[in-house]
Amino acid sequence: MPRRPPRFGDVWNIKGGVMGPEPWLIVSNDLYLELSENNMLAVPIRDTSSPGSRVVTEPIPDVGQAVLDRITALPRAWLMGEDPVAELHPDRHAEVGRRICNLIGP
């Protein structure tokens, strides 16, 4: 069965380093994902956000906090599994997309 392509709002496990697989939130829009066959933009998900930390986060229920100001280009080959492990609630897509655009600028 072929792997489902990543979409904005998906949470995929990514091949990790010392700690093993890590969940990342896909923040590439559909056009970027369509044009870039090998790469995607994603942000790491941490268990919790440290109190008083100055990072921009978005809660992902049952997974942790997506750290929106840590946008990274990752190769799609690093995706693990056939399907995402979680997803950003669709009601949050527009707001998170707006926040990502504000972080990277015009």
C-alpha atoms as a PDB file:
ATOM      1  CA  MET A   1       0.000   0.000   0.000  1.00  0.00           C
ATOM      2  CA  PRO A   2       1.557   3.350  -1.002  1.00  0.00           C
ATOM      3  CA  ARG A   3       2.138   5.996   1.639  1.00  0.00           C
ATOM      4  CA  ARG A   4      -0.479   8.746   1.802  1.00  0.00           C
ATOM      5  CA  PRO A   5       1.094  12.078   0.788  1.00  0.00           C
ATOM      6  CA  PRO A   6       1.612  14.563   3.637  1.00  0.00           C
ATOM      7  CA  ARG A   7      -0.855  17.460   3.954  1.00  0.00           C
ATOM      8  CA  PHE A   8      -0.939  20.676   5.964  1.00  0.00           C
ATOM      9  CA  GLY A   9      -2.005  19.839   9.510  1.00  0.00           C
ATOM     10  CA  ASP A  10      -0.832  16.222   9.490  1.00  0.00           C
ATOM     11  CA  VAL A  11       1.378  14.975  12.300  1.00  0.00           C
ATOM     12  CA  TRP A  12       3.876  12.385  11.105  1.00  0.00           C
ATOM     13  CA  ASN A  13       6.584  10.540  12.931  1.00  0.00           C
ATOM     14  CA  ILE A  14       9.934  11.536  11.461  1.00  0.00           C
ATOM     15  CA  LYS A  15      13.093   9.456  11.599  1.00  0.00           C
ATOM     16  CA  GLY A  16      14.852  10.793  14.660  1.00  0.00           C
ATOM     17  CA  GLY A  17      18.327  10.862  16.006  1.00  0.00           C
ATOM     18  CA  VAL A  18      19.347   9.638  19.428  1.00  0.00           C
ATOM     19  CA  MET A  19      15.800   9.682  20.843  1.00  0.00           C
ATOM     20  CA  GLY A  20      14.234   7.767  17.942  1.00  0.00           C
ATOM     21  CA  PRO A  21      11.139   8.804  15.942  1.00  0.00           C
ATOM     22  CA  GLU A  22       9.710  12.249  16.709  1.00  0.00           C
ATOM     23  CA  PRO A  23       6.312  13.759  15.829  1.00  0.00           C
ATOM     24  CA  TRP A  24       6.374  16.775  13.478  1.00  0.00           C
ATOM     25  CA  LEU A  25       3.479  18.934  12.250  1.00  0.00           C
ATOM     26  CA  ILE A  26       3.437  19.489   8.481  1.00  0.00           C
ATOM     27  CA  VAL A  27       3.054  23.218   7.743  1.00  0.00           C
ATOM     28  CA  SER A  28       3.675  23.240   3.966  1.00  0.00           C
ATOM     29  CA  ASN A  29       0.676  24.444   2.024  1.00  0.00           C
ATOM     30  CA  ASP A  30      -0.783  22.215  -0.675  1.00  0.00           C
ATOM     31  CA  LEU A  31       0.884  24.134  -3.537  1.00  0.00           C
ATOM     32  CA  TYR A  32       4.352  23.772  -1.952  1.00  0.00           C
ATOM     33  CA  LEU A  33       3.749  20.070  -1.364  1.00  0.00           C
ATOM     34  CA  GLU A  34       2.586  19.631  -4.963  1.00  0.00           C
ATOM     35  CA  LEU A  35       5.602  21.443  -6.434  1.00  0.00           C
ATOM     36  CA  SER A  36       8.226  19.975  -4.118  1.00  0.00           C
ATOM     37  CA  GLU A  37       8.264  16.209  -4.489  1.00  0.00           C
ATOM     38  CA  ASN A  38      11.189  15.681  -2.129  1.00  0.00           C
ATOM     39  CA  ASN A  39      10.802  18.237   0.665  1.00  0.00           C
ATOM     40  CA  MET A  40       8.195  19.514   3.083  1.00  0.00           C
ATOM     41  CA  LEU A  41       8.092  22.197   5.740  1.00  0.00           C
ATOM     42  CA  ALA A  42       7.406  21.020   9.265  1.00  0.00           C
ATOM     43  CA  VAL A  43       7.710  22.035  12.905  1.00  0.00           C
ATOM     44  CA  PRO A  44       8.696  19.795  15.815  1.00  0.00           C
ATOM     45  CA  ILE A  45       6.226  18.758  18.479  1.00  0.00           C
ATOM     46  CA  ARG A  46       7.390  18.702  22.078  1.00  0.00           C
ATOM     47  CA  ASP A  47       5.747  17.055  25.079  1.00  0.00           C
ATOM     48  CA  THR A  48       5.021  20.424  26.683  1.00  0.00           C
ATOM     49  CA  SER A  49       6.011  24.035  26.416  1.00  0.00           C
ATOM     50  CA  SER A  50       8.218  25.209  29.243  1.00  0.00           C
ATOM     51  CA  PRO A  51       6.463  27.749  31.457  1.00  0.00           C
ATOM     52  CA  GLY A  52       7.595  31.242  30.553  1.00  0.00           C
ATOM     53  CA  SER A  53       9.343  30.123  27.368  1.00  0.00           C
ATOM     54  CA  ARG A  54       9.190  32.546  24.476  1.00  0.00           C
ATOM     55  CA  VAL A  55       8.269  30.178  21.685  1.00  0.00           C
ATOM     56  CA  VAL A  56       5.134  30.194  19.566  1.00  0.00           C
ATOM     57  CA  THR A  57       3.246  26.947  20.076  1.00  0.00           C
ATOM     58  CA  GLU A  58       0.005  25.257  19.078  1.00  0.00           C
ATOM     59  CA  PRO A  59      -1.443  22.392  21.112  1.00  0.00           C
ATOM     60  CA  ILE A  60      -1.907  19.080  19.317  1.00  0.00           C
ATOM     61  CA  PRO A  61      -4.206  16.961  21.514  1.00  0.00           C
ATOM     62  CA  ASP A  62      -2.648  13.733  22.816  1.00  0.00           C
ATOM     63  CA  VAL A  63       0.712  14.588  21.179  1.00  0.00           C
ATOM     64  CA  GLY A  64       2.126  17.829  22.618  1.00  0.00           C
ATOM     65  CA  GLN A  65       2.894  21.391  21.563  1.00  0.00           C
ATOM     66  CA  ALA A  66       3.855  22.192  17.962  1.00  0.00           C
ATOM     67  CA  VAL A  67       6.693  24.737  18.091  1.00  0.00           C
ATOM     68  CA  LEU A  68       5.601  27.004  15.234  1.00  0.00           C
ATOM     69  CA  ASP A  69       8.693  29.205  15.211  1.00  0.00           C
ATOM     70  CA  ARG A  70      11.011  26.251  14.453  1.00  0.00           C
ATOM     71  CA  ILE A  71      10.103  25.756  10.782  1.00  0.00           C
ATOM     72  CA  THR A  72      12.400  23.242   9.106  1.00  0.00           C
ATOM     73  CA  ALA A  73      12.622  21.777   5.608  1.00  0.00           C
ATOM     74  CA  LEU A  74      12.683  17.991   5.851  1.00  0.00           C
ATOM     75  CA  PRO A  75      13.012  15.295   3.187  1.00  0.00           C
ATOM     76  CA  ARG A  76       9.839  13.290   2.665  1.00  0.00           C
ATOM     77  CA  ALA A  77      11.967  10.157   2.884  1.00  0.00           C
ATOM     78  CA  TRP A  78      12.149  10.771   6.632  1.00  0.00           C
ATOM     79  CA  LEU A  79       8.406  10.112   7.066  1.00  0.00           C
ATOM     80  CA  MET A  80       7.719   6.926   8.989  1.00  0.00           C
ATOM     81  CA  GLY A  81       4.678   4.715   8.524  1.00  0.00           C
ATOM     82  CA  GLU A  82       1.905   4.768   5.970  1.00  0.00           C
ATOM     83  CA  ASP A  83      -0.347   7.384   7.592  1.00  0.00           C
ATOM     84  CA  PRO A  84      -0.077  10.374   9.920  1.00  0.00           C
ATOM     85  CA  VAL A  85      -0.178   9.629  13.651  1.00  0.00           C
ATOM     86  CA  ALA A  86      -2.401  12.630  14.473  1.00  0.00           C
ATOM     87  CA  GLU A  87      -3.643  15.865  12.978  1.00  0.00           C
ATOM     88  CA  LEU A  88      -4.227  19.493  13.755  1.00  0.00           C
ATOM     89  CA  HIS A  89      -7.963  20.039  14.195  1.00  0.00           C
ATOM     90  CA  PRO A  90      -9.362  21.412  10.896  1.00  0.00           C
ATOM     91  CA  ASP A  91     -10.911  24.356  12.771  1.00  0.00           C
ATOM     92  CA  ARG A  92      -7.333  25.487  13.615  1.00  0.00           C
ATOM     93  CA  HIS A  93      -5.908  25.280  10.068  1.00  0.00           C
ATOM     94  CA  ALA A  94      -6.613  28.901   9.085  1.00  0.00           C
ATOM     95  CA  GLU A  95      -5.256  30.370  12.321  1.00  0.00           C
ATOM     96  CA  VAL A  96      -2.110  28.225  12.326  1.00  0.00           C
ATOM     97  CA  GLY A  97      -1.544  29.013   8.634  1.00  0.00           C
ATOM     98  CA  ARG A  98      -1.861  32.724   9.428  1.00  0.00           C
ATOM     99  CA  ARG A  99       0.611  32.418  12.301  1.00  0.00           C
ATOM    100  CA  ILE A 100       3.109  30.552  10.101  1.00  0.00           C
ATOM    101  CA  CYS A 101       2.833  33.249   7.401  1.00  0.00           C
ATOM    102  CA  ASN A 102       3.377  35.960  10.017  1.00  0.00           C
ATOM    103  CA  LEU A 103       6.481  34.176  11.285  1.00  0.00           C
ATOM    104  CA  ILE A 104       8.135  33.819   7.886  1.00  0.00           C
ATOM    105  CA  GLY A 105       7.122  37.247   6.587  1.00  0.00           C
ATOM    106  CA  PRO A 106       5.695  38.467   3.289  1.00  0.00           C
END
